[in-house]
Protein backbone atom coordinates (compact mmCIF):
# COMPACT_ATOMS: atom_id res chain seq x y z
CA PHE A 1 35.28 -10.05 24.53
CA ASN A 2 36.04 -6.89 22.61
CA TYR A 3 34.70 -3.36 23.00
CA SER A 4 35.39 -0.31 20.87
CA SER A 5 33.94 3.17 20.59
CA GLY A 6 34.63 6.30 18.67
CA LEU A 7 33.51 9.71 17.49
CA SER A 8 32.79 11.05 14.01
CA SER A 9 32.20 14.43 12.45
CA LEU A 10 31.51 15.98 9.07
CA THR A 11 34.39 15.62 6.66
CA ARG A 12 33.43 18.87 4.92
CA THR A 13 32.61 22.04 6.81
CA PRO A 14 30.36 24.88 5.59
CA ALA A 15 33.53 26.74 4.56
CA ASP A 16 34.61 23.77 2.42
CA ILE A 17 31.25 23.71 0.64
CA GLY A 18 31.08 27.49 0.26
CA TYR A 19 27.87 28.16 2.19
CA VAL A 20 27.38 31.91 2.53
CA ASN A 21 26.06 33.92 5.46
CA THR A 22 23.12 36.32 5.26
CA LYS A 23 25.20 39.39 4.41
CA GLU A 24 27.00 37.58 1.61
CA TRP A 25 23.75 36.12 0.27
CA PHE A 26 22.05 39.52 -0.07
CA SER A 27 25.22 40.99 -1.58
CA VAL A 28 25.24 38.31 -4.30
CA MET A 29 21.51 38.77 -4.98
CA ASP A 30 21.83 42.56 -5.14
CA GLU A 31 24.67 42.28 -7.62
CA ALA A 32 22.67 39.84 -9.77
CA TYR A 33 19.60 42.12 -9.75
CA GLN A 34 21.70 45.22 -10.46
CA ASN A 35 23.20 43.49 -13.49
CA SER A 36 19.80 42.47 -14.85
CA THR A 37 17.37 45.19 -13.70
CA GLY A 38 19.46 48.02 -12.24
CA LEU A 39 17.71 47.58 -8.88
CA ASP A 40 18.49 45.80 -5.62
CA PHE A 41 16.96 42.42 -4.79
CA ASN A 42 13.38 42.68 -3.58
CA ILE A 43 12.61 40.05 -0.95
CA SER A 44 8.99 39.90 -2.14
CA ASP A 45 10.25 38.18 -5.29
CA TYR A 46 11.15 35.16 -3.17
CA TYR A 47 7.67 34.93 -1.67
CA ARG A 48 6.12 35.23 -5.13
CA PHE A 49 7.55 31.79 -5.94
CA ALA A 50 6.91 30.26 -2.50
CA PRO A 51 3.12 30.21 -2.02
CA GLN A 52 3.43 27.87 0.99
CA ALA A 53 5.52 30.49 2.85
CA TYR A 54 2.74 31.76 5.07
CA THR A 55 5.05 33.92 7.20
CA ALA A 56 6.83 36.70 5.33
CA LEU A 57 9.79 38.75 6.53
CA THR A 58 10.84 42.22 5.55
CA ARG A 59 14.33 42.66 4.23
CA GLY A 60 15.32 44.40 7.44
CA GLN A 61 14.09 41.44 9.50
CA ALA A 62 15.84 38.99 7.20
CA GLU A 63 19.17 40.82 7.36
CA SER A 64 19.12 40.60 11.16
CA ILE A 65 19.01 36.79 10.99
CA ASN A 66 21.96 34.53 10.26
CA THR A 67 21.03 30.89 10.88
CA ASP A 68 23.76 28.29 11.03
CA TRP A 69 21.82 25.39 9.54
CA TYR A 70 24.80 23.06 9.93
CA LYS A 71 24.70 23.65 13.67
CA GLU A 72 20.96 22.98 13.70
CA LEU A 73 21.19 19.70 11.77
CA PHE A 74 24.53 18.17 12.63
CA GLN A 75 26.33 16.98 15.72
CA THR A 76 29.33 14.94 16.76
CA GLY A 77 28.48 11.34 15.99
CA SER A 78 29.50 8.37 18.07
CA PHE A 79 29.44 4.59 18.08
CA ALA A 80 29.81 1.77 20.57
CA ASP A 81 30.61 -1.76 19.42
CA TYR A 82 30.50 -4.90 21.57
CA ASN A 83 31.75 -8.33 20.46
CA LEU A 84 31.70 -11.61 22.35
CA SER A 85 32.88 -14.94 20.93
CA SER A 86 33.75 -18.43 22.12
CA SER A 87 34.98 -21.61 20.48
CA GLN A 88 35.25 -25.16 21.73
CA GLY A 89 36.75 -28.26 20.19
CA PHE A 90 35.81 -31.82 21.08
CA ASP A 91 36.60 -35.34 19.90
CA LYS A 92 34.43 -35.35 16.82
CA GLY A 93 33.98 -31.70 15.99
CA SER A 94 34.13 -28.07 16.97
CA LEU A 95 31.73 -25.28 17.90
CA TYR A 96 32.05 -21.52 17.44
CA ILE A 97 29.55 -18.90 18.58
CA SER A 98 29.73 -15.12 18.55
CA GLY A 99 27.54 -12.12 19.23
CA ASN A 100 27.76 -8.49 18.22
CA TYR A 101 25.92 -5.34 19.24
CA ARG A 102 26.57 -1.90 17.78
CA LYS A 103 24.89 1.44 18.28
CA ASP A 104 25.59 4.44 16.06
CA LYS A 105 24.54 8.02 16.64
CA GLY A 106 24.87 9.73 13.28
CA VAL A 107 26.45 13.08 12.58
CA GLN A 108 23.00 14.20 11.48
CA THR A 109 20.61 14.74 14.34
CA ASN A 110 17.92 12.09 14.90
CA ASN A 111 19.67 9.68 12.54
CA ASN A 112 20.51 6.54 14.53
CA LEU A 113 21.31 2.92 13.79
CA GLU A 114 21.18 -0.08 16.09
CA ARG A 115 22.37 -3.56 15.08
CA ALA A 116 22.63 -6.93 16.80
CA SER A 117 23.68 -10.33 15.47
CA VAL A 118 24.41 -13.86 16.64
CA ARG A 119 26.44 -16.36 14.62
CA SER A 120 27.14 -20.03 15.21
CA ASN A 121 29.22 -22.63 13.33
CA LEU A 122 29.21 -26.33 14.12
CA GLU A 123 31.30 -29.06 12.51
CA PHE A 124 30.68 -32.66 13.51
CA THR A 125 31.99 -36.04 12.34
CA PRO A 126 29.37 -38.61 13.40
CA LEU A 127 30.85 -41.36 11.20
CA LYS A 128 34.21 -42.07 9.69
CA ASN A 129 34.66 -40.11 6.42
CA LEU A 130 31.40 -38.18 7.02
CA THR A 131 31.49 -34.53 8.12
CA MET A 132 28.41 -32.44 8.90
CA GLY A 133 28.41 -28.66 9.04
CA LEU A 134 25.79 -26.28 10.38
CA ARG A 135 25.98 -22.49 10.09
CA LEU A 136 23.41 -20.10 11.54
CA ASN A 137 23.35 -16.32 11.51
CA PHE A 138 20.60 -14.12 12.93
CA SER A 139 20.64 -10.34 12.79
CA TYR A 140 18.46 -7.36 13.62
CA ALA A 141 18.80 -3.74 12.52
CA ASN A 142 16.79 -0.69 13.51
CA ASN A 143 17.47 2.50 11.56
CA ASP A 144 15.89 5.89 12.20
CA GLN A 145 16.62 7.82 9.02
CA ARG A 146 16.45 11.46 8.03
CA SER A 147 16.53 12.50 4.39
CA SER A 148 17.06 16.20 5.03
CA GLY A 149 20.79 16.90 5.20
CA VAL A 150 23.53 18.81 3.41
CA THR A 151 21.60 18.74 0.14
CA SER A 152 18.55 20.42 1.66
CA ILE A 153 20.72 23.08 3.28
CA VAL A 154 22.55 23.93 0.07
CA THR A 155 19.46 23.69 -2.14
CA TYR A 156 16.61 25.10 -0.07
CA ALA A 157 17.55 26.52 3.34
CA LEU A 158 18.74 30.12 3.17
CA PRO A 159 20.79 31.73 5.95
CA TRP A 160 18.13 34.42 6.53
CA PHE A 161 15.46 31.83 7.33
CA PRO A 162 14.87 31.59 11.10
CA VAL A 163 14.39 28.15 12.60
CA ARG A 164 11.26 29.20 14.51
CA ASN A 165 8.42 31.52 13.61
CA PRO A 166 9.27 35.01 14.98
CA ASP A 167 5.62 35.54 15.93
CA ASN A 168 5.21 32.12 17.56
CA PRO A 169 8.41 30.42 18.79
CA LEU A 170 6.48 27.18 19.31
CA GLN A 171 6.06 26.81 15.54
CA TYR A 172 8.68 26.20 12.89
CA PHE A 173 9.20 28.94 10.34
CA ASN A 174 7.41 28.16 7.04
CA ALA A 175 7.51 24.40 7.59
CA TYR A 176 5.25 23.71 4.59
CA THR A 177 7.76 25.05 2.06
CA GLY A 178 10.14 22.12 2.57
CA ALA A 179 12.91 24.69 3.10
CA ASN A 180 13.17 24.33 6.87
CA PRO A 181 15.39 21.28 7.47
CA ALA A 182 14.93 21.51 11.24
CA ALA A 183 11.18 21.01 10.86
CA LEU A 184 11.74 18.07 8.51
CA THR A 185 14.05 16.27 10.94
CA ASP A 186 12.13 16.84 14.17
CA PRO A 187 10.91 13.45 15.53
CA ALA A 188 7.64 15.18 16.41
CA ASN A 189 7.04 15.81 12.71
CA VAL A 190 8.71 12.94 10.90
CA LYS A 191 9.24 9.25 11.38
CA ASN A 192 11.25 7.25 8.87
CA ASN A 193 12.03 3.94 10.49
CA VAL A 194 13.39 0.80 8.85
CA GLN A 195 13.61 -2.47 10.77
CA GLN A 196 15.18 -5.57 9.33
CA TYR A 197 15.18 -9.13 10.63
CA ARG A 198 17.40 -11.61 8.82
CA GLY A 199 18.18 -15.26 9.24
CA LEU A 200 20.78 -17.23 7.29
CA GLY A 201 21.29 -20.93 7.70
CA GLY A 202 23.27 -23.62 5.96
CA LEU A 203 23.61 -27.37 6.34
CA SER A 204 26.31 -29.39 4.59
CA LEU A 205 27.30 -33.06 4.34
CA ASP A 206 30.72 -34.13 3.08
CA TYR A 207 31.53 -37.80 2.51
CA LYS A 208 34.91 -39.13 1.39
CA LEU A 209 34.48 -42.44 -0.39
CA PRO A 210 36.86 -44.95 1.23
CA PHE A 211 37.04 -47.22 -1.81
CA VAL A 212 38.03 -44.45 -4.30
CA THR A 213 41.03 -42.43 -3.22
CA GLY A 214 40.55 -38.70 -3.72
CA LEU A 215 36.80 -38.84 -4.42
CA SER A 216 34.36 -37.01 -2.15
CA LEU A 217 30.67 -36.13 -2.34
CA ARG A 218 29.24 -32.95 -0.89
CA THR A 219 25.73 -31.54 -0.62
CA GLU A 220 24.75 -28.12 0.69
CA LEU A 221 21.38 -26.63 1.62
CA SER A 222 21.13 -22.99 2.62
CA THR A 223 18.50 -20.32 3.04
CA ASP A 224 18.38 -16.56 3.49
CA ILE A 225 15.12 -15.15 4.85
CA MET A 226 14.74 -11.43 5.43
CA GLN A 227 11.85 -9.42 6.79
CA GLY A 228 11.89 -5.65 6.33
CA ASN A 229 9.38 -3.25 7.86
CA ILE A 230 9.23 0.40 6.83
CA VAL A 231 7.18 3.13 8.50
CA LEU A 232 7.10 6.63 6.99
CA TRP A 233 5.01 9.19 8.86
CA GLN A 234 4.60 12.97 8.42
CA SER A 235 2.61 15.26 10.65
CA ARG A 236 0.06 17.80 9.46
CA ASP A 237 2.45 20.52 10.67
CA ILE A 238 4.84 20.00 7.71
CA ARG A 239 2.63 18.56 4.97
CA LEU A 240 -0.13 19.89 2.72
CA ASP A 241 -2.47 17.74 0.65
CA GLY A 242 -3.42 18.36 -2.97
CA GLY A 243 -5.88 21.03 -1.88
CA GLN A 244 -3.13 22.85 0.05
CA LYS A 245 -4.67 21.92 3.40
CA PRO A 246 -2.63 20.54 6.32
CA SER A 247 -2.81 16.76 6.20
CA SER A 248 -0.89 14.02 7.99
CA PHE A 249 0.41 11.11 5.94
CA ALA A 250 1.74 7.62 6.58
CA ARG A 251 3.01 4.72 4.51
CA GLU A 252 3.78 1.29 5.90
CA GLU A 253 5.52 -1.42 3.93
CA ALA A 254 6.45 -4.97 4.81
CA VAL A 255 8.71 -7.01 2.52
CA THR A 256 9.52 -10.69 2.97
CA SER A 257 12.40 -12.02 0.87
CA ARG A 258 13.36 -15.67 0.61
CA VAL A 259 16.35 -17.29 -1.07
CA PHE A 260 16.87 -21.06 -1.11
CA ASN A 261 20.01 -22.70 -2.47
CA TYR A 262 20.83 -26.35 -3.04
CA ASN A 263 24.17 -27.66 -4.28
CA ALA A 264 25.34 -31.23 -4.82
CA TYR A 265 28.67 -32.09 -6.40
CA ALA A 266 31.51 -34.59 -6.49
CA THR A 267 35.19 -33.70 -6.25
CA TYR A 268 38.08 -35.84 -7.37
CA ASP A 269 41.68 -34.90 -6.56
CA ARG A 270 44.57 -37.19 -7.37
CA SER A 271 48.29 -36.78 -7.81
CA PHE A 272 50.86 -39.37 -8.85
CA ALA A 273 54.35 -39.11 -10.31
CA LYS A 274 54.43 -35.88 -12.33
CA HIS A 275 50.66 -35.66 -12.85
CA SER A 276 47.98 -33.87 -10.86
CA PHE A 277 44.23 -34.03 -11.56
CA SER A 278 41.30 -32.12 -10.09
CA MET A 279 37.69 -32.50 -11.23
CA VAL A 280 34.41 -31.13 -9.90
CA GLY A 281 30.95 -31.92 -11.26
CA GLY A 282 27.43 -31.43 -9.97
CA LEU A 283 24.39 -29.21 -9.89
CA GLU A 284 23.26 -26.05 -8.17
CA ALA A 285 19.76 -24.63 -7.79
CA THR A 286 18.49 -21.29 -6.51
CA ARG A 287 14.99 -20.03 -5.85
CA ASN A 288 14.23 -16.37 -5.10
CA SER A 289 10.94 -14.78 -4.15
CA GLN A 290 9.70 -11.62 -2.51
CA TYR A 291 6.29 -10.66 -1.17
CA SER A 292 5.46 -7.00 -0.54
CA ARG A 293 2.58 -5.40 1.32
CA THR A 294 2.05 -1.63 1.15
CA LEU A 295 -0.54 0.70 2.67
CA SER A 296 -0.61 4.49 2.56
CA GLY A 297 -3.13 7.10 3.61
CA GLN A 298 -3.60 10.67 4.73
CA ASP A 299 -5.70 12.60 7.25
CA LEU A 300 -4.75 10.13 9.92
CA THR A 301 -6.75 9.59 13.09
CA GLY A 302 -5.26 9.24 16.55
CA ILE A 303 -2.04 10.53 18.07
CA TYR A 304 0.33 7.69 17.21
CA GLN A 305 3.01 7.85 14.52
CA GLU A 306 1.50 5.09 12.43
CA LEU A 307 -0.97 4.56 9.61
CA GLY A 308 -3.78 3.40 11.87
CA ASP A 309 -7.20 3.90 10.25
CA PRO A 310 -6.70 6.81 7.81
CA THR A 311 -9.60 8.97 6.70
CA ILE A 312 -8.35 8.70 3.11
CA LEU A 313 -6.73 5.49 1.94
CA LEU A 314 -4.37 6.34 -0.92
CA ALA A 315 -2.99 2.91 -1.80
CA ALA A 316 -3.23 -0.69 -0.66
CA SER A 317 -1.50 -3.63 -2.29
CA GLY A 318 0.01 -7.01 -1.64
CA ARG A 319 1.90 -8.87 -4.33
CA LEU A 320 4.47 -11.52 -5.08
CA ASN A 321 7.38 -10.26 -7.17
CA GLY A 322 10.92 -11.15 -8.07
CA GLU A 323 10.19 -14.88 -8.18
CA ARG A 324 12.95 -16.68 -10.04
CA TYR A 325 14.38 -20.16 -10.39
CA LEU A 326 17.86 -21.03 -11.60
CA LEU A 327 19.17 -24.55 -12.16
CA GLY A 328 22.65 -25.32 -13.38
CA TYR A 329 24.78 -28.38 -14.13
CA PHE A 330 28.53 -27.96 -14.24
CA LEU A 331 31.74 -29.86 -14.84
CA ARG A 332 35.20 -28.49 -14.26
CA GLY A 333 38.60 -30.14 -14.63
CA ASN A 334 42.23 -29.10 -14.14
CA TYR A 335 45.40 -30.95 -15.05
CA LYS A 336 48.99 -30.13 -14.12
CA PHE A 337 52.11 -31.82 -15.47
CA LYS A 338 55.53 -31.35 -13.89
CA ASP A 339 54.11 -28.38 -11.95
CA ARG A 340 54.64 -26.20 -15.00
CA TYR A 341 52.14 -27.16 -17.69
CA LEU A 342 48.58 -26.21 -16.71
CA PHE A 343 45.32 -27.04 -18.51
CA GLY A 344 41.72 -26.41 -17.56
CA VAL A 345 38.31 -27.09 -19.05
CA SER A 346 34.80 -26.27 -17.87
CA ALA A 347 31.25 -26.72 -19.08
CA ARG A 348 27.93 -25.45 -17.77
CA ARG A 349 24.30 -25.84 -18.68
CA ASP A 350 22.05 -23.29 -16.99
CA GLY A 351 18.30 -22.87 -17.04
CA SER A 352 16.49 -19.73 -15.88
CA SER A 353 12.80 -19.11 -15.29
CA ALA A 354 13.35 -15.59 -16.67
CA PHE A 355 12.98 -17.09 -20.16
CA THR A 356 10.27 -19.16 -21.80
CA SER A 357 10.69 -22.93 -22.07
CA GLN A 358 11.93 -22.63 -25.68
CA ASN A 359 14.88 -20.39 -24.66
CA ARG A 360 15.36 -21.38 -21.03
CA TRP A 361 18.63 -23.29 -21.29
CA GLY A 362 22.07 -22.02 -22.20
CA ASN A 363 25.33 -23.92 -22.69
CA PHE A 364 28.67 -22.34 -21.79
CA MET A 365 32.19 -23.66 -22.25
CA GLY A 366 35.62 -22.61 -21.08
CA LEU A 367 39.28 -23.54 -21.75
CA SER A 368 42.49 -22.34 -20.15
CA ALA A 369 46.21 -23.09 -20.35
CA GLY A 370 49.34 -21.92 -18.58
CA TRP A 371 53.08 -22.47 -18.87
CA ILE A 372 55.45 -21.63 -16.03
CA LEU A 373 58.52 -20.80 -18.05
CA SER A 374 60.71 -20.12 -15.06
CA GLU A 375 60.59 -23.86 -14.22
CA GLU A 376 62.19 -24.83 -17.53
CA SER A 377 65.89 -25.65 -17.59
CA PHE A 378 66.54 -23.41 -20.60
CA MET A 379 65.33 -20.45 -18.48
CA SER A 380 67.75 -21.17 -15.64
CA PHE A 381 69.69 -18.01 -16.50
CA LEU A 382 66.85 -16.11 -14.77
CA GLY A 383 67.90 -17.57 -11.43
CA ASN A 384 65.92 -19.19 -8.63
CA ASN A 385 64.38 -15.93 -7.48
CA THR A 386 62.44 -15.25 -10.67
CA PHE A 387 58.94 -16.32 -11.67
CA LEU A 388 57.61 -16.16 -15.24
CA LYS A 389 54.31 -17.58 -16.49
CA LEU A 390 52.42 -17.44 -19.79
CA ARG A 391 48.67 -17.91 -19.63
CA GLY A 392 45.64 -17.79 -21.86
CA SER A 393 41.95 -18.64 -21.70
CA PHE A 394 38.72 -18.68 -23.63
CA GLY A 395 35.30 -18.93 -22.06
CA GLU A 396 31.60 -18.16 -22.24
CA VAL A 397 29.30 -16.78 -19.54
CA GLY A 398 25.60 -16.05 -19.63
CA ASN A 399 23.53 -13.16 -18.33
CA GLN A 400 19.86 -13.47 -17.38
CA GLY A 401 19.64 -10.11 -15.61
CA ILE A 402 16.14 -9.01 -16.53
CA PRO A 403 13.04 -8.64 -14.37
CA ALA A 404 10.98 -11.77 -13.85
CA ASN A 405 7.91 -12.61 -15.95
CA MET A 406 8.74 -10.40 -18.91
CA ASN A 407 6.98 -12.92 -21.19
CA VAL A 408 3.58 -11.82 -19.84
CA VAL A 409 1.98 -8.45 -19.14
CA ASN A 410 2.74 -7.14 -15.63
CA TYR A 411 0.72 -4.45 -13.92
CA TYR A 412 1.18 -1.64 -11.44
CA SER A 413 -1.68 -2.08 -9.00
CA HIS A 414 -1.50 1.05 -6.82
CA ALA A 415 -3.41 3.26 -9.22
CA LEU A 416 -6.85 4.64 -8.37
CA TYR A 417 -9.21 5.42 -11.22
CA GLY A 418 -11.72 8.22 -10.91
CA GLY A 419 -10.66 9.53 -7.50
CA ARG A 420 -7.82 10.06 -5.07
CA GLY A 421 -9.52 8.67 -2.02
CA ILE A 422 -11.08 5.47 -0.86
CA LEU A 423 -14.12 6.11 -3.10
CA GLY A 424 -11.94 5.87 -6.18
CA VAL A 425 -12.13 2.66 -8.19
CA ASN A 426 -9.10 0.40 -7.92
CA GLY A 427 -7.21 0.35 -11.18
CA THR A 428 -4.09 -1.07 -12.76
CA THR A 429 -1.74 0.09 -15.48
CA PRO A 430 0.53 -2.13 -17.61
CA ILE A 431 4.27 -1.74 -17.02
CA ASN A 432 5.64 -3.89 -19.85
CA LEU A 433 4.92 -5.39 -23.22
CA PRO A 434 5.24 -9.20 -23.27
CA GLU A 435 8.25 -10.64 -25.12
CA GLN A 436 8.30 -14.37 -25.84
CA ASN A 437 11.67 -14.57 -27.59
CA LEU A 438 14.03 -13.38 -24.86
CA ARG A 439 17.13 -15.56 -24.51
CA TRP A 440 20.46 -15.64 -22.73
CA GLU A 441 22.93 -12.82 -23.29
CA THR A 442 26.29 -14.47 -23.95
CA THR A 443 29.76 -13.07 -23.42
CA ARG A 444 32.68 -14.82 -25.12
CA SER A 445 36.00 -13.83 -23.62
CA ALA A 446 39.57 -14.52 -24.64
CA ASP A 447 42.72 -13.29 -22.93
CA VAL A 448 46.46 -13.82 -22.98
CA GLY A 449 48.91 -12.61 -20.39
CA VAL A 450 52.24 -12.81 -18.67
CA ASP A 451 52.71 -13.03 -14.89
CA PHE A 452 56.12 -12.27 -13.45
CA GLY A 453 57.93 -12.08 -10.14
CA LEU A 454 61.42 -10.77 -9.48
CA PHE A 455 63.77 -10.88 -6.49
CA ARG A 456 61.75 -13.49 -4.59
CA ASN A 457 58.52 -11.74 -5.55
CA ARG A 458 59.53 -8.41 -4.06
CA ILE A 459 58.51 -7.09 -7.46
CA ASN A 460 55.66 -8.87 -9.20
CA GLY A 461 52.92 -8.05 -11.67
CA SER A 462 51.19 -8.98 -14.89
CA VAL A 463 50.50 -7.79 -18.41
CA ALA A 464 47.35 -9.03 -20.15
CA TYR A 465 45.26 -8.40 -23.24
CA TYR A 466 41.57 -9.31 -23.29
CA HIS A 467 38.83 -9.36 -25.91
CA ARG A 468 35.16 -9.84 -25.10
CA PHE A 469 32.29 -10.23 -27.52
CA VAL A 470 28.85 -9.67 -25.97
CA ARG A 471 26.14 -11.21 -28.12
CA ASP A 472 22.38 -10.68 -27.87
CA MET A 473 22.61 -7.98 -25.22
CA LEU A 474 19.57 -7.71 -22.98
CA LEU A 475 18.51 -4.07 -23.21
CA ASN A 476 15.41 -1.96 -22.75
CA ALA A 477 14.47 -0.84 -26.25
CA PRO A 478 12.33 2.33 -26.38
CA VAL A 479 8.78 2.11 -27.70
CA PRO A 480 6.34 4.92 -28.58
CA VAL A 481 4.38 6.61 -25.80
CA SER A 482 1.23 5.45 -27.59
CA ALA A 483 2.11 1.87 -26.58
CA GLY A 484 0.67 2.68 -23.15
CA VAL A 485 3.55 1.26 -21.13
CA SER A 486 4.78 2.95 -17.93
CA SER A 487 7.33 1.99 -15.29
CA PRO A 488 7.01 -0.02 -12.05
CA ASP A 489 9.07 2.62 -10.20
CA LEU A 490 6.89 5.66 -10.84
CA ASN A 491 5.14 7.45 -7.97
CA PHE A 492 1.55 7.54 -9.16
CA GLU A 493 0.42 8.93 -5.78
CA ARG A 494 2.06 12.20 -6.83
CA GLY A 495 0.85 11.95 -10.38
CA THR A 496 4.29 11.50 -11.92
CA TYR A 497 4.81 9.87 -15.29
CA ASP A 498 8.16 9.40 -16.98
CA LEU A 499 7.88 9.31 -20.76
CA THR A 500 11.42 7.91 -21.04
CA SER A 501 10.36 4.72 -19.26
CA ASN A 502 8.39 3.37 -22.24
CA ALA A 503 10.54 0.40 -23.25
CA ILE A 504 10.53 -3.31 -23.91
CA TRP A 505 13.20 -5.83 -22.94
CA SER A 506 14.84 -7.43 -25.98
CA ASN A 507 18.01 -9.13 -27.22
CA ILE A 508 18.91 -6.23 -29.44
CA GLY A 509 22.62 -5.69 -29.53
CA ASP A 510 26.18 -6.93 -29.88
CA MET A 511 29.22 -5.24 -28.36
CA VAL A 512 32.98 -5.73 -28.38
CA ASN A 513 35.00 -4.84 -25.32
CA SER A 514 38.79 -5.12 -25.47
CA GLY A 515 41.75 -3.72 -23.67
CA LEU A 516 45.20 -4.00 -22.15
CA GLU A 517 45.94 -4.21 -18.42
CA PHE A 518 49.18 -3.75 -16.54
CA GLU A 519 49.69 -4.33 -12.79
CA LEU A 520 52.81 -3.90 -10.68
CA HIS A 521 53.35 -4.56 -6.98
CA SER A 522 56.56 -4.06 -5.04
CA VAL A 523 57.76 -4.53 -1.49
CA ASN A 524 60.21 -1.67 -1.06
CA PHE A 525 61.07 -2.22 2.58
CA ASP A 526 60.19 -4.99 5.04
CA LYS A 527 62.16 -5.09 8.28
CA GLY A 528 61.54 -4.81 11.99
CA GLY A 529 57.76 -4.93 11.68
CA PHE A 530 57.71 -2.04 9.20
CA GLN A 531 56.67 -2.67 5.60
CA TRP A 532 56.49 -0.25 2.69
CA THR A 533 54.71 -1.44 -0.46
CA THR A 534 53.77 0.16 -3.75
CA ASP A 535 50.94 -0.75 -6.10
CA PHE A 536 50.45 0.55 -9.63
CA ASN A 537 47.95 -0.40 -12.31
CA ILE A 538 46.85 1.07 -15.61
CA SER A 539 44.39 -0.18 -18.19
CA PHE A 540 43.29 0.80 -21.68
CA ASN A 541 39.75 -0.17 -22.60
CA GLN A 542 37.61 0.23 -25.73
CA ASN A 543 33.91 -0.51 -26.19
CA ILE A 544 32.35 -0.67 -29.65
CA ILE A 545 28.67 -1.35 -30.21
CA LYS A 546 28.34 -3.58 -33.28
CA ARG A 547 24.55 -3.83 -33.49
CA LEU A 548 21.37 -2.34 -31.99
CA THR A 549 17.79 -2.35 -33.21
CA PRO A 550 17.24 -2.20 -36.99
CA SER A 551 15.67 1.26 -36.75
CA ALA A 552 18.45 2.59 -34.51
CA ASP A 553 21.10 1.22 -36.89
CA ARG A 554 19.30 2.54 -39.96
CA THR A 555 18.73 6.10 -38.73
CA GLY A 556 22.03 6.40 -36.87
CA LYS A 557 20.27 8.06 -33.92
CA GLY A 558 20.99 5.14 -31.63
CA MET A 559 19.26 4.50 -28.31
CA VAL A 560 18.80 7.54 -26.09
CA GLY A 561 18.74 7.06 -22.32
CA LEU A 562 18.43 9.57 -19.49
CA ALA A 563 22.17 10.29 -19.47
CA THR A 564 23.64 8.27 -22.35
CA VAL A 565 23.31 7.77 -26.08
CA SER A 566 24.30 4.40 -27.59
CA ARG A 567 25.10 4.23 -31.29
CA THR A 568 26.43 1.50 -33.52
CA GLY A 569 30.14 1.93 -34.22
CA TYR A 570 30.87 3.83 -31.01
């Protein structure tokens, strides 16, 4: 059994951030206004740009207030952690079981996390040469979150804002402006709760063939199932609807994610005389899927902090997304001669449901070699306390990191056509253009390096050069707004539309990435239970885009993202 607890606090204080008090704030504003207009700051200018500020203060009233928003929103955090474990061995196996419970009270008020988990491992040998393994892990997490923190204080909350309405201390001051963090974190006004249930399980069988020395067969079946429930609720005391009327709001979301894995492979290890072999070959398969259900509405009925039966239903959807299958066959072999000459070879054939049947499969190869020079007799002048190795490799890896079902049109189904409420007609909007010719992105890598160790490895490190060629990069190529494509991440409930999201996934680029890496580790002192070590690394890296879309290459404008510009030759 193990128990631990502790306290936590903000790492940066208001003084570290530079948060001003009321006197300093008005002094800065007066100086700014004097420089631009020759007059002092007029507090009515603030209210001109804050129509939801229904309670106005005079400058005299404001100057008499100096709210410490950090004191209102933050506290000393704490945690308590409990662990219990037990293990037992018996004639044909062993059993391990453990449990954990942790409760965190965050440094931000009303921000709490509770977690519990149970884990069990069982190994059993029912027959000679056959070993069974069972691993189970169940966990639960309950997180009450608050999004209003340091950012809201620095951005919106001014020191001359009171926490409560001067005319009615039972009400928060101008809660509808979004500039009163205390109102936005009060559990009476906000609920933002995330609960997660997760179960992981794995079963394995390992059989050593008695008639072939060094050969074993292994199969593994595992699953990861997760259920997440989200409840977001806002009271009518802090929220206005589109008509600027007080309106409560709630959104509830349930997401079920499933991952299934199956592996089966054979391993052969054999050593004799000066030779050592190791080979692994088999298959691995993965299936991913996720089902989401979302409901949101406003003008809620009842007194409970839940969606219930809203007067206005804003959105309702249930959909399967993220479904993907991956199947791979692999073969890997290593050979060592005299413990100094090393060779390796690998081959893979992977198929992904992210691509159409014509482009589904990709083949990837790899080779490696190493030479431990310090084991050679002609290097004996280095002494027995020195290690020196030359190494090099060449290999290919594939990338299929695109959203699922990009070969067909996908739709955003939360949209309402012709109205904001339940009387509106359900509508959909396309979020992609179909692309039938997507294929694997391939990275070919080559590297050479030297590993060294001196003084019985008290000083060791490596120097390596690498060169990677990325072919057929999977990128989102921009398309005209007139294509009518949006984004699956946009918040249509608020009427937002991002013109930069109009894009289509394509294999549209090649890139070269190369560089030099140097690492050094030393043990400077190690005696009497005290150890002093030093680590140093430095790298030099260069990326050059060799090809993009024909139009981007022709015009030289490249591809423009939200924060980056990609051009050929750079």
